[in-house]
Amino acid sequence: MIAIGIPNGMEWVIILVVVLLLFGHRLPGMARSLGSGITEFKRGLKDGAGKDDQKPPTDAGVPPPKA
Protein backbone atom coordinates (compact mmCIF):
# COMPACT_ATOMS: atom_id res chain seq x y z
CA MET A 1 0.00 0.00 0.00
CA ILE A 2 1.32 3.50 -0.89
CA ALA A 3 1.33 6.05 1.91
CA ILE A 4 0.42 9.57 0.85
CA GLY A 5 1.56 12.25 3.26
CA ILE A 6 3.02 15.69 3.56
CA PRO A 7 5.86 16.39 1.08
CA ASN A 8 9.38 16.45 2.52
CA GLY A 9 12.58 18.33 1.54
CA MET A 10 13.32 17.28 -2.04
CA GLU A 11 9.62 17.03 -2.91
CA TRP A 12 9.12 20.69 -1.95
CA VAL A 13 12.03 21.66 -4.20
CA ILE A 14 10.47 19.80 -7.13
CA ILE A 15 7.07 21.41 -6.47
CA LEU A 16 8.69 24.86 -6.31
CA VAL A 17 10.53 24.31 -9.60
CA VAL A 18 7.32 23.18 -11.33
CA VAL A 19 5.39 26.20 -9.99
CA LEU A 20 8.14 28.58 -11.13
CA LEU A 21 8.20 26.99 -14.59
CA LEU A 22 4.43 27.26 -14.94
CA PHE A 23 3.84 30.68 -13.38
CA GLY A 24 7.28 32.37 -13.41
CA HIS A 25 6.40 34.92 -16.08
CA ARG A 26 3.26 35.99 -14.16
CA LEU A 27 4.92 36.46 -10.75
CA PRO A 28 6.33 40.00 -11.30
CA GLY A 29 2.96 41.29 -12.48
CA MET A 30 1.15 39.63 -9.59
CA ALA A 31 3.63 41.08 -7.08
CA ARG A 32 3.29 44.55 -8.63
CA SER A 33 -0.50 44.30 -8.50
CA LEU A 34 -0.44 43.15 -4.88
CA GLY A 35 1.89 46.01 -3.91
CA SER A 36 -0.25 48.66 -5.59
CA GLY A 37 -3.36 47.18 -3.95
CA ILE A 38 -1.77 47.41 -0.51
CA THR A 39 -0.64 50.98 -1.21
CA GLU A 40 -4.14 51.98 -2.33
CA PHE A 41 -5.66 50.34 0.76
CA LYS A 42 -3.31 52.23 3.09
CA ARG A 43 -4.02 55.50 1.24
CA GLY A 44 -7.74 54.89 1.62
CA LEU A 45 -7.37 54.27 5.34
CA LYS A 46 -5.34 57.45 5.76
CA ASP A 47 -7.68 59.63 3.67
CA GLY A 48 -10.89 58.30 5.19
CA ALA A 49 -9.72 58.17 8.81
CA GLY A 50 -11.54 61.23 10.19
CA LYS A 51 -14.32 61.83 7.69
CA ASP A 52 -17.06 60.27 9.83
CA ASP A 53 -16.29 62.65 12.69
CA GLN A 54 -16.52 65.76 10.47
CA LYS A 55 -20.04 65.30 9.07
CA PRO A 56 -22.17 68.43 9.33
CA PRO A 57 -25.20 68.19 11.61
CA THR A 58 -28.45 67.37 9.87
CA ASP A 59 -31.88 68.74 10.67
CA ALA A 60 -33.99 65.60 11.05
CA GLY A 61 -37.39 67.34 11.29
CA VAL A 62 -36.94 69.90 8.51
CA PRO A 63 -37.76 68.76 4.96
CA PRO A 64 -35.28 69.66 2.22
CA PRO A 65 -36.01 72.83 0.22
CA LYS A 66 -37.89 72.40 -3.05
CA ALA A 67 -36.12 73.48 -6.19
PDB file of N, CA and C in Angstrom:
ATOM      1  N   MET A   1       0.840  -1.168   0.000  1.00  0.00           N
ATOM      2  CA  MET A   1       0.000   0.000   0.000  1.00  0.00           C
ATOM      3  C   MET A   1       0.898   1.249   0.000  1.00  0.00           C
ATOM      4  N   ILE A   2       0.536   2.277  -0.781  1.00  0.00           N
ATOM      5  CA  ILE A   2       1.322   3.503  -0.885  1.00  0.00           C
ATOM      6  C   ILE A   2       0.805   4.510   0.136  1.00  0.00           C
ATOM      7  N   ALA A   3       1.700   5.045   0.920  1.00  0.00           N
ATOM      8  CA  ALA A   3       1.327   6.051   1.914  1.00  0.00           C
ATOM      9  C   ALA A   3       1.460   7.438   1.293  1.00  0.00           C
ATOM     10  N   ILE A   4       0.407   8.201   1.361  1.00  0.00           N
ATOM     11  CA  ILE A   4       0.423   9.574   0.852  1.00  0.00           C
ATOM     12  C   ILE A   4       0.432  10.505   2.052  1.00  0.00           C
ATOM     13  N   GLY A   5       1.433  11.357   2.118  1.00  0.00           N
ATOM     14  CA  GLY A   5       1.558  12.247   3.258  1.00  0.00           C
ATOM     15  C   GLY A   5       2.019  13.617   2.842  1.00  0.00           C
ATOM     16  N   ILE A   6       2.530  14.345   3.792  1.00  0.00           N
ATOM     17  CA  ILE A   6       3.024  15.689   3.561  1.00  0.00           C
ATOM     18  C   ILE A   6       4.376  15.612   2.846  1.00  0.00           C
ATOM     19  N   PRO A   7       4.583  16.424   1.800  1.00  0.00           N
ATOM     20  CA  PRO A   7       5.864  16.392   1.079  1.00  0.00           C
ATOM     21  C   PRO A   7       7.034  16.793   1.984  1.00  0.00           C
ATOM     22  N   ASN A   8       8.175  16.160   1.753  1.00  0.00           N
ATOM     23  CA  ASN A   8       9.378  16.453   2.520  1.00  0.00           C
ATOM     24  C   ASN A   8      10.355  17.245   1.667  1.00  0.00           C
ATOM     25  N   GLY A   9      11.556  17.471   2.128  1.00  0.00           N
ATOM     26  CA  GLY A   9      12.579  18.326   1.540  1.00  0.00           C
ATOM     27  C   GLY A   9      12.668  18.377   0.033  1.00  0.00           C
ATOM     28  N   MET A  10      13.102  17.279  -0.590  1.00  0.00           N
ATOM     29  CA  MET A  10      13.323  17.281  -2.038  1.00  0.00           C
ATOM     30  C   MET A  10      11.996  17.414  -2.796  1.00  0.00           C
ATOM     31  N   GLU A  11      10.928  16.911  -2.252  1.00  0.00           N
ATOM     32  CA  GLU A  11       9.624  17.027  -2.907  1.00  0.00           C
ATOM     33  C   GLU A  11       9.171  18.484  -2.982  1.00  0.00           C
ATOM     34  N   TRP A  12       9.455  19.264  -1.923  1.00  0.00           N
ATOM     35  CA  TRP A  12       9.119  20.691  -1.946  1.00  0.00           C
ATOM     36  C   TRP A  12       9.932  21.426  -3.004  1.00  0.00           C
ATOM     37  N   VAL A  13      11.181  21.037  -3.184  1.00  0.00           N
ATOM     38  CA  VAL A  13      12.026  21.662  -4.201  1.00  0.00           C
ATOM     39  C   VAL A  13      11.451  21.390  -5.587  1.00  0.00           C
ATOM     40  N   ILE A  14      11.048  20.155  -5.836  1.00  0.00           N
ATOM     41  CA  ILE A  14      10.470  19.798  -7.128  1.00  0.00           C
ATOM     42  C   ILE A  14       9.169  20.560  -7.360  1.00  0.00           C
ATOM     43  N   ILE A  15       8.329  20.659  -6.345  1.00  0.00           N
ATOM     44  CA  ILE A  15       7.065  21.412  -6.468  1.00  0.00           C
ATOM     45  C   ILE A  15       7.351  22.876  -6.766  1.00  0.00           C
ATOM     46  N   LEU A  16       8.332  23.461  -6.088  1.00  0.00           N
ATOM     47  CA  LEU A  16       8.694  24.860  -6.311  1.00  0.00           C
ATOM     48  C   LEU A  16       9.200  25.089  -7.731  1.00  0.00           C
ATOM     49  N   VAL A  17      10.015  24.176  -8.235  1.00  0.00           N
ATOM     50  CA  VAL A  17      10.526  24.306  -9.598  1.00  0.00           C
ATOM     51  C   VAL A  17       9.384  24.229 -10.606  1.00  0.00           C
ATOM     52  N   VAL A  18       8.458  23.316 -10.412  1.00  0.00           N
ATOM     53  CA  VAL A  18       7.316  23.183 -11.325  1.00  0.00           C
ATOM     54  C   VAL A  18       6.454  24.446 -11.298  1.00  0.00           C
ATOM     55  N   VAL A  19       6.201  24.981 -10.111  1.00  0.00           N
ATOM     56  CA  VAL A  19       5.392  26.202  -9.993  1.00  0.00           C
ATOM     57  C   VAL A  19       6.093  27.374 -10.673  1.00  0.00           C
ATOM     58  N   LEU A  20       7.397  27.493 -10.474  1.00  0.00           N
ATOM     59  CA  LEU A  20       8.141  28.579 -11.126  1.00  0.00           C
ATOM     60  C   LEU A  20       8.143  28.434 -12.640  1.00  0.00           C
ATOM     61  N   LEU A  21       8.242  27.208 -13.142  1.00  0.00           N
ATOM     62  CA  LEU A  21       8.205  26.991 -14.592  1.00  0.00           C
ATOM     63  C   LEU A  21       6.834  27.342 -15.170  1.00  0.00           C
ATOM     64  N   LEU A  22       5.781  27.011 -14.446  1.00  0.00           N
ATOM     65  CA  LEU A  22       4.432  27.260 -14.945  1.00  0.00           C
ATOM     66  C   LEU A  22       4.016  28.723 -14.813  1.00  0.00           C
ATOM     67  N   PHE A  23       4.350  29.341 -13.678  1.00  0.00           N
ATOM     68  CA  PHE A  23       3.841  30.682 -13.376  1.00  0.00           C
ATOM     69  C   PHE A  23       4.932  31.735 -13.243  1.00  0.00           C
ATOM     70  N   GLY A  24       6.161  31.444 -13.602  1.00  0.00           N
ATOM     71  CA  GLY A  24       7.282  32.366 -13.415  1.00  0.00           C
ATOM     72  C   GLY A  24       7.109  33.687 -14.125  1.00  0.00           C
ATOM     73  N   HIS A  25       6.557  33.676 -15.327  1.00  0.00           N
ATOM     74  CA  HIS A  25       6.396  34.922 -16.084  1.00  0.00           C
ATOM     75  C   HIS A  25       5.270  35.786 -15.521  1.00  0.00           C
ATOM     76  N   ARG A  26       4.379  35.224 -14.736  1.00  0.00           N
ATOM     77  CA  ARG A  26       3.263  35.990 -14.155  1.00  0.00           C
ATOM     78  C   ARG A  26       3.595  36.572 -12.780  1.00  0.00           C
ATOM     79  N   LEU A  27       4.618  36.047 -12.120  1.00  0.00           N
ATOM     80  CA  LEU A  27       4.917  36.465 -10.749  1.00  0.00           C
ATOM     81  C   LEU A  27       5.252  37.951 -10.609  1.00  0.00           C
ATOM     82  N   PRO A  28       6.059  38.567 -11.469  1.00  0.00           N
ATOM     83  CA  PRO A  28       6.334  40.000 -11.296  1.00  0.00           C
ATOM     84  C   PRO A  28       5.070  40.855 -11.410  1.00  0.00           C
ATOM     85  N   GLY A  29       4.205  40.534 -12.344  1.00  0.00           N
ATOM     86  CA  GLY A  29       2.960  41.293 -12.483  1.00  0.00           C
ATOM     87  C   GLY A  29       2.039  41.114 -11.284  1.00  0.00           C
ATOM     88  N   MET A  30       1.988  39.882 -10.769  1.00  0.00           N
ATOM     89  CA  MET A  30       1.154  39.633  -9.595  1.00  0.00           C
ATOM     90  C   MET A  30       1.697  40.365  -8.380  1.00  0.00           C
ATOM     91  N   ALA A  31       3.010  40.378  -8.207  1.00  0.00           N
ATOM     92  CA  ALA A  31       3.630  41.084  -7.077  1.00  0.00           C
ATOM     93  C   ALA A  31       3.402  42.586  -7.191  1.00  0.00           C
ATOM     94  N   ARG A  32       3.518  43.118  -8.409  1.00  0.00           N
ATOM     95  CA  ARG A  32       3.285  44.548  -8.633  1.00  0.00           C
ATOM     96  C   ARG A  32       1.836  44.903  -8.317  1.00  0.00           C
ATOM     97  N   SER A  33       0.919  44.063  -8.747  1.00  0.00           N
ATOM     98  CA  SER A  33      -0.498  44.297  -8.497  1.00  0.00           C
ATOM     99  C   SER A  33      -0.809  44.235  -7.003  1.00  0.00           C
ATOM    100  N   LEU A  34      -0.235  43.276  -6.316  1.00  0.00           N
ATOM    101  CA  LEU A  34      -0.440  43.150  -4.879  1.00  0.00           C
ATOM    102  C   LEU A  34       0.114  44.372  -4.146  1.00  0.00           C
ATOM    103  N   GLY A  35       1.285  44.826  -4.539  1.00  0.00           N
ATOM    104  CA  GLY A  35       1.889  46.007  -3.908  1.00  0.00           C
ATOM    105  C   GLY A  35       1.068  47.261  -4.124  1.00  0.00           C
ATOM    106  N   SER A  36       0.562  47.459  -5.351  1.00  0.00           N
ATOM    107  CA  SER A  36      -0.253  48.656  -5.593  1.00  0.00           C
ATOM    108  C   SER A  36      -1.591  48.558  -4.864  1.00  0.00           C
ATOM    109  N   GLY A  37      -2.115  47.355  -4.711  1.00  0.00           N
ATOM    110  CA  GLY A  37      -3.357  47.183  -3.955  1.00  0.00           C
ATOM    111  C   GLY A  37      -3.176  47.525  -2.489  1.00  0.00           C
ATOM    112  N   ILE A  38      -2.061  47.099  -1.913  1.00  0.00           N
ATOM    113  CA  ILE A  38      -1.771  47.412  -0.511  1.00  0.00           C
ATOM    114  C   ILE A  38      -1.576  48.911  -0.335  1.00  0.00           C
ATOM    115  N   THR A  39      -0.856  49.535  -1.275  1.00  0.00           N
ATOM    116  CA  THR A  39      -0.637  50.978  -1.213  1.00  0.00           C
ATOM    117  C   THR A  39      -1.959  51.735  -1.296  1.00  0.00           C
ATOM    118  N   GLU A  40      -2.836  51.330  -2.198  1.00  0.00           N
ATOM    119  CA  GLU A  40      -4.142  51.977  -2.334  1.00  0.00           C
ATOM    120  C   GLU A  40      -4.985  51.787  -1.076  1.00  0.00           C
ATOM    121  N   PHE A  41      -4.919  50.604  -0.473  1.00  0.00           N
ATOM    122  CA  PHE A  41      -5.659  50.339   0.762  1.00  0.00           C
ATOM    123  C   PHE A  41      -5.175  51.243   1.890  1.00  0.00           C
ATOM    124  N   LYS A  42      -3.855  51.366   2.041  1.00  0.00           N
ATOM    125  CA  LYS A  42      -3.310  52.233   3.092  1.00  0.00           C
ATOM    126  C   LYS A  42      -3.672  53.693   2.842  1.00  0.00           C
ATOM    127  N   ARG A  43      -3.648  54.125   1.576  1.00  0.00           N
ATOM    128  CA  ARG A  43      -4.021  55.496   1.241  1.00  0.00           C
ATOM    129  C   ARG A  43      -5.494  55.745   1.581  1.00  0.00           C
ATOM    130  N   GLY A  44      -6.331  54.765   1.304  1.00  0.00           N
ATOM    131  CA  GLY A  44      -7.743  54.893   1.622  1.00  0.00           C
ATOM    132  C   GLY A  44      -7.987  54.970   3.122  1.00  0.00           C
ATOM    133  N   LEU A  45      -7.239  54.199   3.884  1.00  0.00           N
ATOM    134  CA  LEU A  45      -7.365  54.267   5.337  1.00  0.00           C
ATOM    135  C   LEU A  45      -6.939  55.631   5.859  1.00  0.00           C
ATOM    136  N   LYS A  46      -5.844  56.159   5.294  1.00  0.00           N
ATOM    137  CA  LYS A  46      -5.336  57.452   5.760  1.00  0.00           C
ATOM    138  C   LYS A  46      -6.286  58.586   5.369  1.00  0.00           C
ATOM    139  N   ASP A  47      -6.799  58.562   4.139  1.00  0.00           N
ATOM    140  CA  ASP A  47      -7.678  59.630   3.665  1.00  0.00           C
ATOM    141  C   ASP A  47      -9.047  59.585   4.335  1.00  0.00           C
ATOM    142  N   GLY A  48      -9.545  58.424   4.637  1.00  0.00           N
ATOM    143  CA  GLY A  48     -10.887  58.301   5.194  1.00  0.00           C
ATOM    144  C   GLY A  48     -10.918  58.167   6.694  1.00  0.00           C
ATOM    145  N   ALA A  49      -9.810  58.427   7.374  1.00  0.00           N
ATOM    146  CA  ALA A  49      -9.721  58.174   8.810  1.00  0.00           C
ATOM    147  C   ALA A  49     -10.662  59.048   9.627  1.00  0.00           C
ATOM    148  N   GLY A  50     -10.745  60.350   9.346  1.00  0.00           N
ATOM    149  CA  GLY A  50     -11.537  61.225  10.192  1.00  0.00           C
ATOM    150  C   GLY A  50     -12.783  61.768   9.532  1.00  0.00           C
ATOM    151  N   LYS A  51     -13.189  61.258   8.426  1.00  0.00           N
ATOM    152  CA  LYS A  51     -14.319  61.831   7.695  1.00  0.00           C
ATOM    153  C   LYS A  51     -15.643  61.613   8.401  1.00  0.00           C
ATOM    154  N   ASP A  52     -15.800  60.513   9.137  1.00  0.00           N
ATOM    155  CA  ASP A  52     -17.059  60.269   9.833  1.00  0.00           C
ATOM    156  C   ASP A  52     -17.262  61.256  10.981  1.00  0.00           C
ATOM    157  N   ASP A  53     -16.183  61.717  11.582  1.00  0.00           N
ATOM    158  CA  ASP A  53     -16.285  62.655  12.692  1.00  0.00           C
ATOM    159  C   ASP A  53     -16.595  64.068  12.223  1.00  0.00           C
ATOM    160  N   GLN A  54     -16.392  64.396  10.964  1.00  0.00           N
ATOM    161  CA  GLN A  54     -16.521  65.759  10.473  1.00  0.00           C
ATOM    162  C   GLN A  54     -17.808  65.993   9.685  1.00  0.00           C
ATOM    163  N   LYS A  55     -18.791  65.105   9.797  1.00  0.00           N
ATOM    164  CA  LYS A  55     -20.043  65.299   9.069  1.00  0.00           C
ATOM    165  C   LYS A  55     -20.801  66.489   9.655  1.00  0.00           C
ATOM    166  N   PRO A  56     -21.384  67.308   8.808  1.00  0.00           N
ATOM    167  CA  PRO A  56     -22.166  68.426   9.335  1.00  0.00           C
ATOM    168  C   PRO A  56     -23.458  67.914   9.976  1.00  0.00           C
ATOM    169  N   PRO A  57     -23.960  68.624  10.973  1.00  0.00           N
ATOM    170  CA  PRO A  57     -25.199  68.186  11.608  1.00  0.00           C
ATOM    171  C   PRO A  57     -26.359  68.288  10.626  1.00  0.00           C
ATOM    172  N   THR A  58     -27.284  67.369  10.742  1.00  0.00           N
ATOM    173  CA  THR A  58     -28.452  67.373   9.867  1.00  0.00           C
ATOM    174  C   THR A  58     -29.686  67.744  10.671  1.00  0.00           C
ATOM    175  N   ASP A  59     -30.619  68.407  10.034  1.00  0.00           N
ATOM    176  CA  ASP A  59     -31.884  68.735  10.667  1.00  0.00           C
ATOM    177  C   ASP A  59     -32.864  67.614  10.322  1.00  0.00           C
ATOM    178  N   ALA A  60     -33.170  66.773  11.306  1.00  0.00           N
ATOM    179  CA  ALA A  60     -33.992  65.597  11.051  1.00  0.00           C
ATOM    180  C   ALA A  60     -35.443  65.959  10.786  1.00  0.00           C
ATOM    181  N   GLY A  61     -35.979  67.022  11.421  1.00  0.00           N
ATOM    182  CA  GLY A  61     -37.387  67.338  11.289  1.00  0.00           C
ATOM    183  C   GLY A  61     -37.708  68.292  10.155  1.00  0.00           C
ATOM    184  N   VAL A  62     -36.709  68.907   9.544  1.00  0.00           N
ATOM    185  CA  VAL A  62     -36.935  69.899   8.512  1.00  0.00           C
ATOM    186  C   VAL A  62     -36.818  69.233   7.138  1.00  0.00           C
ATOM    187  N   PRO A  63     -37.869  69.352   6.301  1.00  0.00           N
ATOM    188  CA  PRO A  63     -37.764  68.761   4.964  1.00  0.00           C
ATOM    189  C   PRO A  63     -36.806  69.559   4.103  1.00  0.00           C
ATOM    190  N   PRO A  64     -36.202  68.924   3.097  1.00  0.00           N
ATOM    191  CA  PRO A  64     -35.279  69.659   2.220  1.00  0.00           C
ATOM    192  C   PRO A  64     -36.018  70.691   1.375  1.00  0.00           C
ATOM    193  N   PRO A  65     -35.349  71.784   1.017  1.00  0.00           N
ATOM    194  CA  PRO A  65     -36.009  72.826   0.224  1.00  0.00           C
ATOM    195  C   PRO A  65     -36.350  72.308  -1.187  1.00  0.00           C
ATOM    196  N   LYS A  66     -37.469  72.795  -1.699  1.00  0.00           N
ATOM    197  CA  LYS A  66     -37.892  72.401  -3.047  1.00  0.00           C
ATOM    198  C   LYS A  66     -37.233  73.304  -4.070  1.00  0.00           C
ATOM    199  N   ALA A  67     -36.802  72.698  -5.153  1.00  0.00           N
ATOM    200  CA  ALA A  67     -36.122  73.478  -6.186  1.00  0.00           C
ATOM    201  C   ALA A  67     -37.088  73.921  -7.260  1.00  0.00           C
TER     202      ALA A  67
END
